[in-house]
Amino acid sequence: MMPALRLLGLIIIGGLVTIGVIADQRDRTIEELPSPVIITASDARAGTWFCAGGSGAVGAATVGLEVVNAGRDDATVDVQVVRVDTADAQRAEVVVPAGSRVAVNLPQLAPEAAWLGAIVESDDPDVVVEQTFDGLSGTDRAPCATSTGTALFAADGATRLLADGESMTLLLMNPFQDDAIADVRFDADVGPDSISAVVVPARRIVAIDVTEEVTVAARIHTSVEVSTGRLVANRLQVRNGAAVRGLAVTPLVQDGAALSVIPVVAADLGLFDRIHVTNPSDEAAAVDLEIVTDGSIALDPIELTIRGGRTVVVDVAAESRLAALPEFSVIARSLTGQPVAVAVERRVELGGDLVAGTAAMGALDAAASEWIVAADGNVAELSVVNPFPDSAASVELWRVGAEGETLLTSIDLDPGRRQALVAPDLGARDLLRVRASSPVVVGRANVGFTSRQMLAGVIADGAVLLDQLD
């Protein structure tokens, strides 16, 4: 067993002083990590979080963690760093006070690591973990995963480094005690490419420089097929050109689903959203993209036929019938039953003082009756989708603090509809909890000082796989 790392003081990230308490950790064996988690209808959220990570202190996307405690009691979590260069793990115990959050500076725990992620364990059901990223081209935020996969998909990417400042990195993380082996396939506009039998050692990260592997590509779809073991992965996309500047770090979609939801899609001025649907099977898939609104407008679905192993891209701006919908949601339904991987990529081109940038998120394959959202001072509106075709949902939005919870607003959401849930007078560090009478899907789009973000809420309780709704 490895000796534990002695750490003193408080963890600090980006100048924000946190309240984390760090202590010595007992030695633990690799076997104590829980087995890979697959959400089922009866499961609450898992207590182990897999954070595929980003770069170290010097890099395009310096990674940190934000551990959120939406409960009424203090929570203790165990953070273990996963590195690219060694399986030796630095550990820290972090205490998160009730109704608050603590930022964890991962590069401070492993200063020499060029790429790093983390495994976070907690027995508290009110704790959620997200990744934060900071780079010269912007900032971003992404959820950590509570499950691992054997088939993973990155919706889009670009590597026109010299012409447009675009670069792409793929991070594969193996959180388990045995080596994993994966084949990586790139479907790009400049032609296909692949890397066979990539070994991801136990408790290590492998970074693939896609910019070097597939050069001068304006569009790249990535598929990772894991033949041995299970993985989680992040895609780091940097854009630093004259027209678009931004950082988008996106967890790869795991395994795909026959039914999934993108809670936030836009056709507003200056926003260019593209929906990517990948069919990993050998047989053609028929997929409907159902346009979900508040009910004021009814639109037929976008019908797609996707050949086996291929990706279809829907440019939202090119769909004239969506022009009257500044924002909407999408339910992706595989009519032929094959799981498909769905994601949305946003590019922003705006002049003046408005924030431009890029953002992306994968579709969600689960709904839940309770969600937690960590506000950042810019989240004033959540998108709530009721995926059930025949039952309404009563939805409440609560502010969470050390003193308890305060009801902010409530709505009634009709079957198969979406609605904005407005949070008035948010503070910069507020925590939000969404409760619904039946499972819903929650997401939001953030505009920060240096970036745009597309994010899902984090499931807190009452999860149900959307495939089970059919």
Protein backbone atom coordinates (compact mmCIF):
# COMPACT_ATOMS: atom_id res chain seq x y z
CA MET A 1 0.00 0.00 0.00
CA MET A 2 1.08 3.56 -0.66
CA PRO A 3 1.75 6.04 2.14
CA ALA A 4 -0.84 8.76 2.49
CA LEU A 5 0.10 12.33 1.64
CA ARG A 6 0.21 14.74 4.56
CA LEU A 7 -1.37 18.05 3.60
CA LEU A 8 -1.74 21.15 5.76
CA GLY A 9 -3.83 24.26 5.43
CA LEU A 10 -6.81 25.18 3.34
CA ILE A 11 -7.26 24.36 -0.34
CA ILE A 12 -7.37 27.48 -2.53
CA ILE A 13 -8.29 27.77 -6.19
CA GLY A 14 -8.26 30.86 -8.38
CA GLY A 15 -7.83 33.16 -5.38
CA LEU A 16 -11.06 31.90 -3.79
CA VAL A 17 -10.44 30.97 -0.15
CA THR A 18 -12.39 27.85 0.70
CA ILE A 19 -13.30 26.13 3.93
CA GLY A 20 -11.81 22.72 3.20
CA VAL A 21 -10.15 20.87 6.07
CA ILE A 22 -7.41 18.48 4.98
CA ALA A 23 -6.07 15.68 7.13
CA ASP A 24 -3.92 12.56 7.02
CA GLN A 25 -5.56 9.62 5.28
CA ARG A 26 -5.28 5.98 6.22
CA ASP A 27 -3.76 3.64 3.68
CA ARG A 28 -6.37 2.06 1.43
CA THR A 29 -6.16 -0.74 -1.05
CA ILE A 30 -7.20 -0.42 -4.68
CA GLU A 31 -9.83 -3.08 -4.10
CA GLU A 32 -11.79 -0.73 -1.87
CA LEU A 33 -12.90 1.40 -4.81
CA PRO A 34 -16.51 0.47 -5.61
CA SER A 35 -17.20 -1.43 -8.78
CA PRO A 36 -18.32 0.52 -11.87
CA VAL A 37 -21.72 2.04 -11.26
CA ILE A 38 -24.66 1.81 -13.65
CA ILE A 39 -27.74 3.85 -12.70
CA THR A 40 -30.96 1.90 -12.47
CA ALA A 41 -34.48 3.08 -11.78
CA SER A 42 -34.21 2.20 -8.09
CA ASP A 43 -30.73 3.64 -7.49
CA ALA A 44 -30.03 6.93 -5.81
CA ARG A 45 -26.97 8.76 -7.01
CA ALA A 46 -23.74 6.83 -6.49
CA GLY A 47 -21.24 7.91 -3.84
CA THR A 48 -18.20 7.70 -6.12
CA TRP A 49 -17.46 10.43 -8.66
CA PHE A 50 -15.08 9.97 -11.60
CA CYS A 51 -13.58 13.25 -12.82
CA ALA A 52 -11.63 12.72 -16.07
CA GLY A 53 -9.86 16.02 -15.53
CA GLY A 54 -7.77 18.46 -17.50
CA SER A 55 -4.34 20.03 -17.51
CA GLY A 56 -2.07 20.86 -14.60
CA ALA A 57 -1.12 24.31 -13.35
CA VAL A 58 0.42 25.19 -16.72
CA GLY A 59 -1.86 24.16 -19.58
CA ALA A 60 -4.84 24.95 -21.75
CA ALA A 61 -7.44 23.88 -19.19
CA THR A 62 -6.18 23.88 -15.60
CA VAL A 63 -8.54 21.61 -13.70
CA GLY A 64 -10.05 21.98 -10.27
CA LEU A 65 -12.97 20.43 -8.44
CA GLU A 66 -15.95 21.99 -6.75
CA VAL A 67 -17.51 19.80 -4.08
CA VAL A 68 -21.06 20.89 -3.31
CA ASN A 69 -22.94 19.98 -0.13
CA ALA A 70 -26.65 20.73 -0.42
CA GLY A 71 -27.42 18.96 2.85
CA ARG A 72 -28.07 20.25 6.36
CA ASP A 73 -25.01 18.58 7.92
CA ASP A 74 -21.32 18.94 7.23
CA ALA A 75 -19.98 16.33 4.79
CA THR A 76 -16.56 14.73 4.48
CA VAL A 77 -15.25 13.53 1.12
CA ASP A 78 -12.11 11.68 0.07
CA VAL A 79 -10.30 13.09 -2.98
CA GLN A 80 -7.73 10.94 -4.78
CA VAL A 81 -5.74 12.39 -7.66
CA VAL A 82 -5.39 10.35 -10.86
CA ARG A 83 -2.36 11.35 -12.95
CA VAL A 84 -0.92 10.83 -16.38
CA ASP A 85 2.59 10.01 -15.17
CA THR A 86 2.20 7.68 -12.20
CA ALA A 87 -0.34 5.56 -10.36
CA ASP A 88 0.95 6.83 -7.01
CA ALA A 89 -1.99 8.75 -5.59
CA GLN A 90 -2.09 11.93 -3.55
CA ARG A 91 -5.12 12.02 -1.29
CA ALA A 92 -6.95 14.63 0.71
CA GLU A 93 -9.88 14.59 3.06
CA VAL A 94 -12.10 17.63 2.54
CA VAL A 95 -14.83 18.81 4.89
CA VAL A 96 -17.66 20.69 3.18
CA PRO A 97 -19.92 22.67 5.53
CA ALA A 98 -23.68 22.31 5.18
CA GLY A 99 -25.26 24.32 2.38
CA SER A 100 -21.94 25.37 0.86
CA ARG A 101 -19.20 24.33 -1.54
CA VAL A 102 -15.45 23.90 -1.43
CA ALA A 103 -13.04 24.34 -4.31
CA VAL A 104 -10.21 21.81 -4.56
CA ASN A 105 -7.05 22.84 -6.38
CA LEU A 106 -5.95 19.54 -7.95
CA PRO A 107 -2.64 20.86 -9.35
CA GLN A 108 -1.70 21.88 -5.81
CA LEU A 109 -1.99 18.23 -4.81
CA ALA A 110 0.14 17.06 -7.77
CA PRO A 111 2.26 20.03 -8.97
CA GLU A 112 4.34 17.99 -11.42
CA ALA A 113 1.46 16.37 -13.31
CA ALA A 114 0.80 17.67 -16.83
CA TRP A 115 -2.65 16.04 -16.92
CA LEU A 116 -4.71 14.94 -13.97
CA GLY A 117 -8.18 14.05 -12.77
CA ALA A 118 -9.67 12.66 -9.58
CA ILE A 119 -11.81 10.06 -7.88
CA VAL A 120 -14.04 11.53 -5.17
CA GLU A 121 -15.84 9.35 -2.64
CA SER A 122 -18.62 10.41 -0.30
CA ASP A 123 -21.32 8.60 1.64
CA ASP A 124 -23.49 11.72 1.76
CA PRO A 125 -26.35 11.73 -0.80
CA ASP A 126 -26.42 15.54 -0.79
CA VAL A 127 -22.85 15.87 -2.09
CA VAL A 128 -22.22 16.44 -5.80
CA VAL A 129 -18.92 17.03 -7.59
CA GLU A 130 -18.16 19.11 -10.67
CA GLN A 131 -14.98 19.95 -12.55
CA THR A 132 -13.83 23.51 -13.23
CA PHE A 133 -11.42 24.59 -15.94
CA ASP A 134 -9.38 27.74 -16.47
CA GLY A 135 -7.29 28.53 -19.55
CA LEU A 136 -6.02 31.45 -21.61
CA SER A 137 -8.96 31.08 -24.02
CA GLY A 138 -11.65 30.99 -21.32
CA THR A 139 -13.17 28.97 -18.50
CA ASP A 140 -15.58 26.06 -18.36
CA ARG A 141 -17.35 23.69 -16.01
CA ALA A 142 -18.43 20.07 -16.39
CA PRO A 143 -19.98 17.41 -14.17
CA CYS A 144 -18.02 14.46 -12.88
CA ALA A 145 -19.45 11.05 -13.77
CA THR A 146 -20.97 8.48 -11.45
CA SER A 147 -20.56 5.67 -13.97
CA THR A 148 -17.99 4.39 -16.45
CA GLY A 149 -18.47 3.07 -19.97
CA THR A 150 -17.21 0.71 -22.63
CA ALA A 151 -18.27 2.91 -25.57
CA LEU A 152 -17.66 6.66 -25.38
CA PHE A 153 -18.33 9.43 -27.89
CA ALA A 154 -17.15 13.01 -28.40
CA ALA A 155 -19.58 14.94 -30.55
CA ASP A 156 -17.32 17.36 -32.31
CA GLY A 157 -13.92 18.95 -32.43
CA ALA A 158 -11.50 20.84 -34.64
CA THR A 159 -7.73 20.96 -35.12
CA ARG A 160 -7.10 23.91 -37.47
CA LEU A 161 -4.33 25.13 -35.21
CA LEU A 162 -2.45 27.49 -37.51
CA ALA A 163 -5.45 28.94 -39.33
CA ASP A 164 -7.97 29.27 -36.47
CA GLY A 165 -6.14 28.47 -33.25
CA GLU A 166 -8.15 25.26 -32.77
CA SER A 167 -6.69 22.37 -30.80
CA MET A 168 -8.25 19.25 -29.29
CA THR A 169 -7.09 16.83 -26.59
CA LEU A 170 -8.76 13.60 -25.48
CA LEU A 171 -8.31 12.47 -21.87
CA LEU A 172 -9.01 8.82 -21.05
CA MET A 173 -9.14 7.96 -17.34
CA ASN A 174 -9.06 4.45 -15.88
CA PRO A 175 -10.14 4.60 -12.22
CA PHE A 176 -9.82 0.87 -11.58
CA GLN A 177 -7.11 -1.53 -10.49
CA ASP A 178 -6.61 -3.31 -13.85
CA ASP A 179 -5.32 -1.89 -17.13
CA ALA A 180 -7.89 -0.96 -19.77
CA ILE A 181 -7.50 -1.26 -23.54
CA ALA A 182 -9.38 0.85 -26.06
CA ASP A 183 -9.55 1.55 -29.78
CA VAL A 184 -10.03 5.20 -30.73
CA ARG A 185 -11.64 6.14 -34.06
CA PHE A 186 -11.76 9.63 -35.57
CA ASP A 187 -14.34 10.45 -38.24
CA ALA A 188 -13.14 13.79 -39.65
CA ASP A 189 -13.86 15.93 -42.68
CA VAL A 190 -10.26 15.36 -43.78
CA GLY A 191 -10.74 11.58 -43.64
CA PRO A 192 -10.91 8.78 -41.07
CA ASP A 193 -8.13 7.90 -38.68
CA SER A 194 -7.74 5.55 -35.73
CA ILE A 195 -5.47 4.46 -32.92
CA SER A 196 -5.62 0.80 -32.01
CA ALA A 197 -5.07 -0.87 -28.65
CA VAL A 198 -4.49 2.20 -26.52
CA VAL A 199 -3.47 0.98 -23.07
CA VAL A 200 -4.80 3.06 -20.19
CA PRO A 201 -2.91 1.77 -17.14
CA ALA A 202 -4.68 1.18 -13.84
CA ARG A 203 -5.39 4.41 -11.95
CA ARG A 204 -3.88 6.52 -14.71
CA ILE A 205 -4.87 9.05 -17.38
CA VAL A 206 -3.82 8.90 -21.02
CA ALA A 207 -3.81 12.16 -22.97
CA ILE A 208 -4.20 11.94 -26.77
CA ASP A 209 -3.21 15.05 -28.72
CA VAL A 210 -5.84 14.89 -31.45
CA THR A 211 -4.34 18.01 -33.08
CA GLU A 212 -1.23 15.98 -33.85
CA GLU A 213 -3.15 12.85 -34.83
CA VAL A 214 -5.76 14.44 -37.15
CA THR A 215 -4.42 17.71 -38.47
CA VAL A 216 -6.29 20.65 -40.05
CA ALA A 217 -9.75 19.21 -39.46
CA ALA A 218 -12.79 21.46 -39.16
CA ARG A 219 -14.95 18.62 -37.84
CA ILE A 220 -13.97 15.51 -35.88
CA HIS A 221 -16.26 12.96 -34.26
CA THR A 222 -14.50 10.61 -31.86
CA SER A 223 -15.52 7.09 -30.80
CA VAL A 224 -13.75 5.13 -28.07
CA GLU A 225 -14.44 1.39 -27.93
CA VAL A 226 -13.14 -0.21 -24.73
CA SER A 227 -12.34 -3.88 -25.19
CA THR A 228 -10.91 -4.44 -21.71
CA GLY A 229 -12.06 -2.56 -18.62
CA ARG A 230 -14.15 0.61 -18.40
CA LEU A 231 -13.25 4.29 -18.78
CA VAL A 232 -14.42 7.85 -18.39
CA ALA A 233 -13.17 10.58 -20.70
CA ASN A 234 -13.12 14.33 -21.33
CA ARG A 235 -12.69 16.23 -24.59
CA LEU A 236 -10.78 19.53 -24.34
CA GLN A 237 -11.47 21.88 -27.24
CA VAL A 238 -9.62 25.19 -27.48
CA ARG A 239 -10.62 27.84 -30.01
CA ASN A 240 -8.42 30.93 -30.17
CA GLY A 241 -9.17 32.42 -33.56
CA ALA A 242 -10.29 35.78 -34.86
CA ALA A 243 -14.00 34.80 -35.13
CA VAL A 244 -14.40 32.44 -32.15
CA ARG A 245 -12.48 32.25 -28.90
CA GLY A 246 -13.33 29.85 -26.11
CA LEU A 247 -12.65 26.73 -24.06
CA ALA A 248 -15.10 23.80 -24.03
CA VAL A 249 -14.37 20.76 -21.86
CA THR A 250 -17.00 18.07 -22.35
CA PRO A 251 -17.35 14.60 -20.79
CA LEU A 252 -17.73 11.98 -23.50
CA VAL A 253 -21.21 10.47 -23.85
CA GLN A 254 -21.18 6.96 -22.40
CA ASP A 255 -22.70 4.01 -24.27
CA GLY A 256 -25.56 5.95 -25.84
CA ALA A 257 -29.31 5.56 -25.25
CA ALA A 258 -32.49 4.95 -27.21
CA LEU A 259 -34.03 8.01 -25.55
CA SER A 260 -32.17 11.09 -24.31
CA VAL A 261 -32.76 14.80 -23.72
CA ILE A 262 -30.84 17.96 -24.55
CA PRO A 263 -32.42 20.49 -22.18
CA VAL A 264 -31.00 23.66 -23.79
CA VAL A 265 -30.82 24.38 -27.53
CA ALA A 266 -30.95 27.85 -29.08
CA ALA A 267 -31.64 29.46 -32.42
CA ASP A 268 -31.14 33.02 -31.18
CA LEU A 269 -29.11 35.70 -32.93
CA GLY A 270 -25.38 35.04 -32.75
CA LEU A 271 -25.75 31.50 -31.37
CA PHE A 272 -24.90 28.62 -33.68
CA ASP A 273 -25.96 25.30 -32.16
CA ARG A 274 -25.31 21.99 -33.87
CA ILE A 275 -26.78 18.69 -32.70
CA HIS A 276 -24.63 15.60 -33.29
CA VAL A 277 -26.15 12.12 -33.35
CA THR A 278 -23.80 9.12 -33.56
CA ASN A 279 -24.99 5.61 -34.37
CA PRO A 280 -22.36 3.20 -33.00
CA SER A 281 -24.14 0.05 -34.18
CA ASP A 282 -23.60 -1.78 -37.47
CA GLU A 283 -27.21 -1.29 -38.57
CA ALA A 284 -28.87 1.92 -39.75
CA ALA A 285 -30.83 3.83 -37.11
CA ALA A 286 -33.94 5.94 -37.56
CA VAL A 287 -33.91 8.80 -35.05
CA ASP A 288 -36.45 11.53 -34.38
CA LEU A 289 -35.35 14.78 -32.77
CA GLU A 290 -38.54 15.95 -31.09
CA ILE A 291 -38.74 19.72 -30.59
CA VAL A 292 -39.92 20.42 -27.04
CA THR A 293 -41.45 23.83 -26.30
CA ASP A 294 -43.69 25.43 -23.69
CA GLY A 295 -46.68 24.46 -25.81
CA SER A 296 -47.13 27.77 -27.60
CA ILE A 297 -45.72 26.28 -30.81
CA ALA A 298 -46.02 22.67 -32.03
CA LEU A 299 -43.46 21.40 -34.53
CA ASP A 300 -42.93 18.08 -36.23
CA PRO A 301 -39.74 16.24 -35.29
CA ILE A 302 -36.53 16.35 -37.31
CA GLU A 303 -36.28 12.91 -38.89
CA LEU A 304 -32.86 11.33 -39.33
CA THR A 305 -31.56 8.13 -40.86
CA ILE A 306 -28.02 7.38 -39.68
CA ARG A 307 -25.88 4.66 -41.20
CA GLY A 308 -24.03 2.30 -38.90
CA GLY A 309 -20.90 3.80 -37.39
CA ARG A 310 -21.65 7.31 -38.69
CA THR A 311 -22.62 10.68 -37.26
CA VAL A 312 -25.25 13.11 -38.55
CA VAL A 313 -25.02 16.81 -37.73
CA VAL A 314 -28.10 19.03 -37.56
CA ASP A 315 -27.32 22.73 -37.92
CA VAL A 316 -30.05 24.43 -35.92
CA ALA A 317 -29.55 27.77 -37.70
CA ALA A 318 -30.28 26.08 -41.03
CA GLU A 319 -33.68 24.85 -39.82
CA SER A 320 -35.86 27.83 -40.76
CA ARG A 321 -38.89 26.52 -38.88
CA LEU A 322 -36.95 26.85 -35.62
CA ALA A 323 -36.30 30.56 -36.12
CA ALA A 324 -39.34 31.50 -34.01
CA LEU A 325 -37.90 29.56 -31.04
CA PRO A 326 -35.05 31.46 -29.38
CA GLU A 327 -34.61 28.50 -27.01
CA PHE A 328 -36.08 25.00 -26.84
CA SER A 329 -35.27 21.44 -25.78
CA VAL A 330 -34.84 18.25 -27.78
CA ILE A 331 -35.84 14.66 -27.07
CA ALA A 332 -33.79 12.27 -29.22
CA ARG A 333 -35.70 9.04 -29.84
CA SER A 334 -34.23 6.03 -31.65
CA LEU A 335 -37.20 4.55 -33.47
CA THR A 336 -35.29 1.41 -34.41
CA GLY A 337 -34.16 0.83 -30.82
CA GLN A 338 -30.39 1.16 -31.19
CA PRO A 339 -28.67 3.30 -28.57
CA VAL A 340 -27.34 6.52 -30.12
CA ALA A 341 -25.00 9.14 -28.66
CA VAL A 342 -26.35 12.68 -28.81
CA ALA A 343 -24.66 15.99 -27.96
CA VAL A 344 -24.95 19.68 -28.75
CA GLU A 345 -22.10 22.05 -29.60
CA ARG A 346 -22.54 25.83 -29.40
CA ARG A 347 -20.45 28.40 -31.26
CA VAL A 348 -20.98 32.08 -30.53
CA GLU A 349 -20.09 34.97 -32.80
CA LEU A 350 -21.07 38.32 -31.34
CA GLY A 351 -19.59 41.78 -31.61
CA GLY A 352 -19.32 44.61 -29.12
CA ASP A 353 -18.87 43.84 -25.45
CA LEU A 354 -20.95 40.66 -25.43
CA VAL A 355 -19.23 37.42 -24.48
CA ALA A 356 -18.44 35.13 -27.38
CA GLY A 357 -17.11 31.61 -27.05
CA THR A 358 -17.98 27.94 -27.39
CA ALA A 359 -19.85 25.44 -25.23
CA ALA A 360 -21.00 21.83 -25.44
CA MET A 361 -22.84 19.15 -23.51
CA GLY A 362 -23.98 15.58 -23.97
CA ALA A 363 -27.63 14.59 -23.90
CA LEU A 364 -28.98 13.19 -20.64
CA ASP A 365 -30.27 9.63 -20.53
CA ALA A 366 -31.93 9.87 -17.11
CA ALA A 367 -34.62 11.98 -15.46
CA ALA A 368 -35.03 12.50 -11.73
CA SER A 369 -37.41 13.91 -9.16
CA GLU A 370 -34.64 15.90 -7.45
CA TRP A 371 -31.68 17.86 -8.87
CA ILE A 372 -28.90 20.02 -7.42
CA VAL A 373 -27.50 23.04 -9.27
CA ALA A 374 -24.44 25.01 -8.17
CA ALA A 375 -25.10 28.59 -9.23
CA ASP A 376 -22.22 30.82 -10.26
CA GLY A 377 -23.84 34.23 -10.05
CA ASN A 378 -24.98 34.09 -13.68
CA VAL A 379 -27.55 31.31 -13.48
CA ALA A 380 -30.89 33.10 -13.39
CA GLU A 381 -32.86 30.56 -15.42
CA LEU A 382 -33.02 26.79 -15.51
CA SER A 383 -34.58 24.74 -18.31
CA VAL A 384 -36.86 21.99 -17.00
CA VAL A 385 -38.16 19.28 -19.34
CA ASN A 386 -40.97 16.85 -18.61
CA PRO A 387 -40.18 13.80 -20.80
CA PHE A 388 -43.32 11.90 -19.82
CA PRO A 389 -46.00 11.96 -22.55
CA ASP A 390 -49.00 11.52 -20.26
CA SER A 391 -48.32 12.94 -16.78
CA ALA A 392 -47.82 16.49 -15.57
CA ALA A 393 -45.19 17.46 -13.00
CA SER A 394 -45.29 20.02 -10.22
CA VAL A 395 -41.81 21.55 -9.97
CA GLU A 396 -40.33 23.61 -7.12
CA LEU A 397 -37.09 25.58 -6.99
CA TRP A 398 -35.39 25.96 -3.60
CA ARG A 399 -32.38 28.01 -2.50
CA VAL A 400 -30.06 26.02 -0.20
CA GLY A 401 -27.92 27.64 2.47
CA ALA A 402 -26.35 26.90 5.82
CA GLU A 403 -29.54 28.08 7.48
CA GLY A 404 -31.73 25.69 5.49
CA GLU A 405 -33.86 25.86 2.34
CA THR A 406 -36.07 28.64 0.99
CA LEU A 407 -38.72 28.12 -1.69
CA LEU A 408 -38.10 30.51 -4.59
CA THR A 409 -40.75 29.58 -7.13
CA SER A 410 -42.90 26.74 -8.44
CA ILE A 411 -44.49 25.79 -11.77
CA ASP A 412 -46.79 23.16 -13.23
CA LEU A 413 -45.18 21.44 -16.21
CA ASP A 414 -47.43 19.73 -18.74
CA PRO A 415 -46.52 16.36 -20.30
CA GLY A 416 -43.88 16.56 -23.04
CA ARG A 417 -43.19 20.25 -22.38
CA ARG A 418 -40.31 22.41 -21.22
CA GLN A 419 -40.37 25.59 -19.23
CA ALA A 420 -37.95 28.11 -17.80
CA LEU A 421 -37.62 28.07 -14.04
CA VAL A 422 -36.45 31.51 -12.97
CA ALA A 423 -34.36 31.98 -9.82
CA PRO A 424 -34.67 35.61 -8.69
CA ASP A 425 -31.95 37.50 -6.80
CA LEU A 426 -29.31 34.82 -6.94
CA GLY A 427 -26.12 35.24 -4.99
CA ALA A 428 -22.76 34.42 -6.52
CA ARG A 429 -22.38 31.19 -4.52
CA ASP A 430 -25.98 30.05 -4.10
CA LEU A 431 -26.96 26.40 -4.28
CA LEU A 432 -30.27 25.41 -5.85
CA ARG A 433 -32.41 22.31 -5.46
CA VAL A 434 -35.16 21.33 -7.90
CA ARG A 435 -37.90 19.02 -6.64
CA ALA A 436 -40.58 17.56 -8.90
CA SER A 437 -43.60 15.35 -8.34
CA SER A 438 -42.41 13.09 -11.19
CA PRO A 439 -39.01 12.78 -12.90
CA VAL A 440 -37.85 15.75 -15.02
CA VAL A 441 -34.62 16.79 -16.76
CA VAL A 442 -32.82 19.98 -15.69
CA GLY A 443 -30.19 22.01 -17.54
CA ARG A 444 -28.94 25.56 -17.92
CA ALA A 445 -26.81 27.78 -20.11
CA ASN A 446 -24.41 30.17 -18.37
CA VAL A 447 -22.77 33.35 -19.62
CA GLY A 448 -19.70 34.28 -17.59
CA PHE A 449 -17.03 36.94 -17.85
CA THR A 450 -14.83 34.88 -20.17
CA SER A 451 -16.95 31.98 -21.35
CA ARG A 452 -20.27 30.39 -22.12
CA GLN A 453 -21.30 27.08 -20.64
CA MET A 454 -23.99 24.48 -21.27
CA LEU A 455 -24.58 22.33 -18.22
CA ALA A 456 -26.95 19.78 -16.79
CA GLY A 457 -28.08 19.81 -13.22
CA VAL A 458 -26.82 16.95 -11.06
CA ILE A 459 -29.20 14.18 -10.07
CA ALA A 460 -29.80 14.09 -6.32
CA ASP A 461 -32.61 11.51 -5.97
CA GLY A 462 -35.30 9.56 -7.80
CA ALA A 463 -33.35 8.71 -10.97
CA VAL A 464 -35.06 6.81 -13.78
CA LEU A 465 -33.50 5.85 -17.11
CA LEU A 466 -35.36 7.50 -19.95
CA ASP A 467 -35.26 4.28 -21.98
CA GLN A 468 -37.69 2.90 -19.42
CA LEU A 469 -40.29 5.47 -20.43
CA ASP A 470 -40.88 3.79 -23.81
